[in-house]
C-alpha atoms as a PDB file:
ATOM      1  CA  MET A   1      98.767 125.060  53.647  1.00  0.00           C
ATOM      2  CA  ARG A   2     101.191 127.185  55.640  1.00  0.00           C
ATOM      3  CA  GLY A   3     100.567 130.669  56.883  1.00  0.00           C
ATOM      4  CA  PRO A   4     103.086 133.489  57.068  1.00  0.00           C
ATOM      5  CA  SER A   5     106.310 132.749  58.937  1.00  0.00           C
ATOM      6  CA  ILE A   6     107.528 134.710  61.936  1.00  0.00           C
ATOM      7  CA  ALA A   7     110.032 136.384  59.578  1.00  0.00           C
ATOM      8  CA  ASP A   8     107.151 137.454  57.298  1.00  0.00           C
ATOM      9  CA  VAL A   9     105.212 138.896  60.226  1.00  0.00           C
ATOM     10  CA  GLU A  10     108.245 140.671  61.677  1.00  0.00           C
ATOM     11  CA  ALA A  11     109.044 142.189  58.265  1.00  0.00           C
ATOM     12  CA  PHE A  12     105.428 143.369  57.942  1.00  0.00           C
ATOM     13  CA  LEU A  13     105.482 145.035  61.381  1.00  0.00           C
ATOM     14  CA  VAL A  14     108.851 146.689  60.721  1.00  0.00           C
ATOM     15  CA  ASP A  15     107.606 147.919  57.329  1.00  0.00           C
ATOM     16  CA  GLU A  16     104.497 149.309  59.038  1.00  0.00           C
ATOM     17  CA  ALA A  17     106.712 151.195  61.512  1.00  0.00           C
ATOM     18  CA  ARG A  18     108.843 152.551  58.653  1.00  0.00           C
ATOM     19  CA  LEU A  19     105.764 153.912  56.882  1.00  0.00           C
ATOM     20  CA  LEU A  20     104.760 155.697  60.072  1.00  0.00           C
ATOM     21  CA  ASP A  21     108.312 156.979  60.621  1.00  0.00           C
ATOM     22  CA  ALA A  22     108.269 158.364  57.066  1.00  0.00           C
ATOM     23  CA  ARG A  23     104.885 159.994  57.769  1.00  0.00           C
ATOM     24  CA  ASP A  24     103.408 158.124  54.819  1.00  0.00           C
ATOM     25  CA  TRP A  25     100.016 158.058  56.500  1.00  0.00           C
ATOM     26  CA  ASN A  26      98.056 157.044  53.405  1.00  0.00           C
ATOM     27  CA  ALA A  27     100.284 154.048  52.624  1.00  0.00           C
ATOM     28  CA  TRP A  28     100.055 153.027  56.297  1.00  0.00           C
ATOM     29  CA  ASN A  29      96.269 153.334  56.228  1.00  0.00           C
ATOM     30  CA  GLN A  30      96.178 151.055  53.172  1.00  0.00           C
ATOM     31  CA  LEU A  31      97.619 148.263  55.336  1.00  0.00           C
ATOM     32  CA  PHE A  32      94.236 148.010  57.099  1.00  0.00           C
ATOM     33  CA  THR A  33      91.285 145.980  55.916  1.00  0.00           C
ATOM     34  CA  PRO A  34      88.277 148.150  54.978  1.00  0.00           C
ATOM     35  CA  ASP A  35      86.763 147.410  58.406  1.00  0.00           C
ATOM     36  CA  GLY A  36      90.101 147.497  60.249  1.00  0.00           C
ATOM     37  CA  ILE A  37      90.335 149.125  63.673  1.00  0.00           C
ATOM     38  CA  TYR A  38      93.144 151.057  65.393  1.00  0.00           C
ATOM     39  CA  TRP A  39      92.660 150.907  69.177  1.00  0.00           C
ATOM     40  CA  VAL A  40      94.556 152.341  72.148  1.00  0.00           C
ATOM     41  CA  PRO A  41      92.814 151.172  75.367  1.00  0.00           C
ATOM     42  CA  ALA A  42      92.622 153.404  78.449  1.00  0.00           C
ATOM     43  CA  GLN A  43      93.002 150.569  80.977  1.00  0.00           C
ATOM     44  CA  PRO A  44      95.404 147.619  81.224  1.00  0.00           C
ATOM     45  CA  GLY A  45      93.769 144.468  79.901  1.00  0.00           C
ATOM     46  CA  GLN A  46      90.718 146.365  78.647  1.00  0.00           C
ATOM     47  CA  LYS A  47      88.524 143.919  76.734  1.00  0.00           C
ATOM     48  CA  ASP A  48      85.755 146.052  75.248  1.00  0.00           C
ATOM     49  CA  PRO A  49      86.465 149.254  73.313  1.00  0.00           C
ATOM     50  CA  LEU A  50      82.790 150.065  72.798  1.00  0.00           C
ATOM     51  CA  ARG A  51      81.520 149.952  76.392  1.00  0.00           C
ATOM     52  CA  HIS A  52      84.538 151.557  78.003  1.00  0.00           C
ATOM     53  CA  VAL A  53      86.514 154.715  77.336  1.00  0.00           C
ATOM     54  CA  SER A  54      89.530 154.307  75.068  1.00  0.00           C
ATOM     55  CA  LEU A  55      92.374 156.714  74.418  1.00  0.00           C
ATOM     56  CA  ILE A  56      91.900 156.112  70.680  1.00  0.00           C
ATOM     57  CA  TYR A  57      89.401 153.966  68.808  1.00  0.00           C
ATOM     58  CA  GLU A  58      89.385 154.586  65.073  1.00  0.00           C
ATOM     59  CA  ASP A  59      87.775 152.881  62.128  1.00  0.00           C
ATOM     60  CA  ALA A  60      88.624 153.719  58.497  1.00  0.00           C
ATOM     61  CA  LEU A  61      86.598 156.950  58.518  1.00  0.00           C
ATOM     62  CA  LEU A  62      88.199 158.319  61.691  1.00  0.00           C
ATOM     63  CA  ARG A  63      91.703 157.390  60.471  1.00  0.00           C
ATOM     64  CA  GLU A  64      90.995 159.288  57.236  1.00  0.00           C
ATOM     65  CA  VAL A  65      89.843 162.352  59.187  1.00  0.00           C
ATOM     66  CA  ARG A  66      92.976 162.357  61.348  1.00  0.00           C
ATOM     67  CA  ILE A  67      95.251 161.820  58.347  1.00  0.00           C
ATOM     68  CA  ARG A  68      93.643 164.768  56.524  1.00  0.00           C
ATOM     69  CA  ARG A  69      94.196 166.945  59.605  1.00  0.00           C
ATOM     70  CA  PHE A  70      97.932 166.188  59.537  1.00  0.00           C
ATOM     71  CA  ASP A  71      98.156 168.078  56.220  1.00  0.00           C
ATOM     72  CA  ASP A  72      95.591 170.777  57.000  1.00  0.00           C
ATOM     73  CA  ARG A  73      97.212 174.216  57.301  1.00  0.00           C
ATOM     74  CA  ASN A  74      94.304 175.323  59.499  1.00  0.00           C
ATOM     75  CA  ALA A  75      95.017 172.626  62.106  1.00  0.00           C
ATOM     76  CA  PHE A  76      97.333 174.905  64.068  1.00  0.00           C
ATOM     77  CA  SER A  77      97.947 172.408  66.859  1.00  0.00           C
ATOM     78  CA  LEU A  78      99.502 170.089  64.272  1.00  0.00           C
ATOM     79  CA  GLN A  79     101.659 172.679  62.504  1.00  0.00           C
ATOM     80  CA  GLY A  80     104.843 170.978  61.433  1.00  0.00           C
ATOM     81  CA  GLY A  81     103.051 167.680  61.909  1.00  0.00           C
ATOM     82  CA  PRO A  82     103.937 165.063  64.453  1.00  0.00           C
ATOM     83  CA  ARG A  83     107.098 163.200  63.677  1.00  0.00           C
ATOM     84  CA  GLY A  84     108.753 160.346  65.407  1.00  0.00           C
ATOM     85  CA  TRP A  85     110.244 156.923  65.191  1.00  0.00           C
ATOM     86  CA  ARG A  86     109.282 153.479  66.336  1.00  0.00           C
ATOM     87  CA  MET A  87     111.229 150.409  67.356  1.00  0.00           C
ATOM     88  CA  VAL A  88     109.420 147.075  67.114  1.00  0.00           C
ATOM     89  CA  ALA A  89     110.793 144.115  69.071  1.00  0.00           C
ATOM     90  CA  ASN A  90     109.914 140.706  70.525  1.00  0.00           C
ATOM     91  CA  VAL A  91     107.606 139.789  67.653  1.00  0.00           C
ATOM     92  CA  ARG A  92     105.782 136.494  67.983  1.00  0.00           C
ATOM     93  CA  ILE A  93     102.839 134.742  66.412  1.00  0.00           C
ATOM     94  CA  ASP A  94     100.365 133.975  69.188  1.00  0.00           C
ATOM     95  CA  SER A  95      97.789 132.125  67.103  1.00  0.00           C
ATOM     96  CA  SER A  96      97.293 131.220  63.478  1.00  0.00           C
ATOM     97  CA  ASP A  97      94.609 129.688  61.291  1.00  0.00           C
ATOM     98  CA  PRO A  98      96.191 129.113  57.868  1.00  0.00           C
ATOM     99  CA  LEU A  99      92.929 127.805  56.397  1.00  0.00           C
ATOM    100  CA  ALA A 100      91.085 130.991  57.379  1.00  0.00           C
ATOM    101  CA  GLY A 101      94.099 133.150  56.482  1.00  0.00           C
ATOM    102  CA  THR A 102      94.231 134.817  59.904  1.00  0.00           C
ATOM    103  CA  LEU A 103      96.783 135.203  62.650  1.00  0.00           C
ATOM    104  CA  THR A 104      97.374 137.161  65.815  1.00  0.00           C
ATOM    105  CA  ALA A 105     100.830 138.573  66.473  1.00  0.00           C
ATOM    106  CA  SER A 106     102.204 140.440  69.458  1.00  0.00           C
ATOM    107  CA  SER A 107     105.198 142.721  69.817  1.00  0.00           C
ATOM    108  CA  ARG A 108     106.728 145.377  72.013  1.00  0.00           C
ATOM    109  CA  LEU A 109     106.949 148.961  70.819  1.00  0.00           C
ATOM    110  CA  ILE A 110     109.063 151.907  71.865  1.00  0.00           C
ATOM    111  CA  ALA A 111     108.100 155.116  70.094  1.00  0.00           C
ATOM    112  CA  ALA A 112     109.154 158.734  70.373  1.00  0.00           C
ATOM    113  CA  GLU A 113     107.110 161.697  69.168  1.00  0.00           C
ATOM    114  CA  TYR A 114     108.529 165.164  68.568  1.00  0.00           C
ATOM    115  CA  GLN A 115     106.120 168.055  68.394  1.00  0.00           C
ATOM    116  CA  ARG A 116     106.314 171.677  69.512  1.00  0.00           C
ATOM    117  CA  GLU A 117     109.870 171.361  70.866  1.00  0.00           C
ATOM    118  CA  ARG A 118     108.982 168.417  73.086  1.00  0.00           C
ATOM    119  CA  VAL A 119     109.762 164.711  72.856  1.00  0.00           C
ATOM    120  CA  THR A 120     107.281 162.248  74.320  1.00  0.00           C
ATOM    121  CA  ARG A 121     108.119 158.572  74.673  1.00  0.00           C
ATOM    122  CA  PHE A 122     105.652 155.714  74.503  1.00  0.00           C
ATOM    123  CA  GLU A 123     106.161 152.077  75.464  1.00  0.00           C
ATOM    124  CA  ALA A 124     103.515 149.550  74.524  1.00  0.00           C
ATOM    125  CA  PHE A 125     102.465 145.957  74.119  1.00  0.00           C
ATOM    126  CA  VAL A 126     100.976 145.719  70.625  1.00  0.00           C
ATOM    127  CA  THR A 127      98.627 143.084  69.258  1.00  0.00           C
ATOM    128  CA  HIS A 128      97.934 142.822  65.544  1.00  0.00           C
ATOM    129  CA  ARG A 129      95.106 140.701  64.224  1.00  0.00           C
ATOM    130  CA  LEU A 130      96.196 140.103  60.642  1.00  0.00           C
ATOM    131  CA  VAL A 131      94.402 138.604  57.663  1.00  0.00           C
ATOM    132  CA  ILE A 132      95.679 137.559  54.280  1.00  0.00           C
ATOM    133  CA  GLN A 133      93.876 139.352  51.463  1.00  0.00           C
ATOM    134  CA  GLU A 134      94.977 138.961  47.847  1.00  0.00           C
ATOM    135  CA  GLY A 135      98.189 137.331  49.058  1.00  0.00           C
ATOM    136  CA  GLN A 136      99.123 140.258  51.331  1.00  0.00           C
ATOM    137  CA  LEU A 137      98.967 140.698  55.095  1.00  0.00           C
ATOM    138  CA  ARG A 138      96.404 143.296  56.170  1.00  0.00           C
ATOM    139  CA  ILE A 139      95.546 144.693  59.602  1.00  0.00           C
ATOM    140  CA  ALA A 140      92.075 143.809  60.887  1.00  0.00           C
ATOM    141  CA  LEU A 141      92.882 145.161  64.366  1.00  0.00           C
ATOM    142  CA  LYS A 142      95.859 146.982  65.822  1.00  0.00           C
ATOM    143  CA  ARG A 143      95.633 147.188  69.615  1.00  0.00           C
ATOM    144  CA  VAL A 144      98.290 149.350  71.289  1.00  0.00           C
ATOM    145  CA  GLU A 145      98.260 148.918  75.076  1.00  0.00           C
ATOM    146  CA  LEU A 146     100.491 151.648  76.447  1.00  0.00           C
ATOM    147  CA  LEU A 147     102.520 150.727  79.498  1.00  0.00           C
ATOM    148  CA  ASP A 148     100.989 153.744  81.247  1.00  0.00           C
ATOM    149  CA  CYS A 149      97.599 153.622  79.509  1.00  0.00           C
ATOM    150  CA  ASP A 150      95.777 154.422  82.751  1.00  0.00           C
ATOM    151  CA  ALA A 151      97.865 157.562  83.410  1.00  0.00           C
ATOM    152  CA  ALA A 152      96.839 161.078  82.402  1.00  0.00           C
ATOM    153  CA  HIS A 153      97.873 161.705  78.800  1.00  0.00           C
ATOM    154  CA  GLY A 154      97.998 164.839  76.740  1.00  0.00           C
ATOM    155  CA  ASP A 155      97.167 164.807  73.064  1.00  0.00           C
ATOM    156  CA  ILE A 156      98.490 161.665  71.370  1.00  0.00           C
ATOM    157  CA  SER A 157      98.862 162.996  67.831  1.00  0.00           C
ATOM    158  CA  LEU A 158     101.181 160.324  66.553  1.00  0.00           C
ATOM    159  CA  TYR A 159     100.045 156.944  65.314  1.00  0.00           C
ATOM    160  CA  LEU A 160     101.945 154.364  67.344  1.00  0.00           C
END
């Protein structure tokens, strides 16, 4: 039994970026498993998101809350909503267990966010822990390690 090819994984990651670029937050959120996690560590090489501070650590509930805020007219800091684009590169499969239907992929990300007349750029090393559910790739964990994760950051409104 073979798992997804590198082309399959790259297409999945590019499609994920396109959903985010299109601000289709709900479709993007559906890519996660029910217990999937979105994590942006606050330190290079950070191993534990629960015992150390993270820039972002969101389960399904917290992603839903943030996504609802994007469309909330009373969330004045998000008026106009964050918009941006992402470029995914250097995709590779780091490990794979076809029998279990799991794999870990890594990539590089360059993203730009425009909000309130300002553009902010992000560069990151991204790790996706993916599982196959009902024949489709799903995100069990998305870990976005910003190049400058240990620097002072303002509000990171955009999903990277």
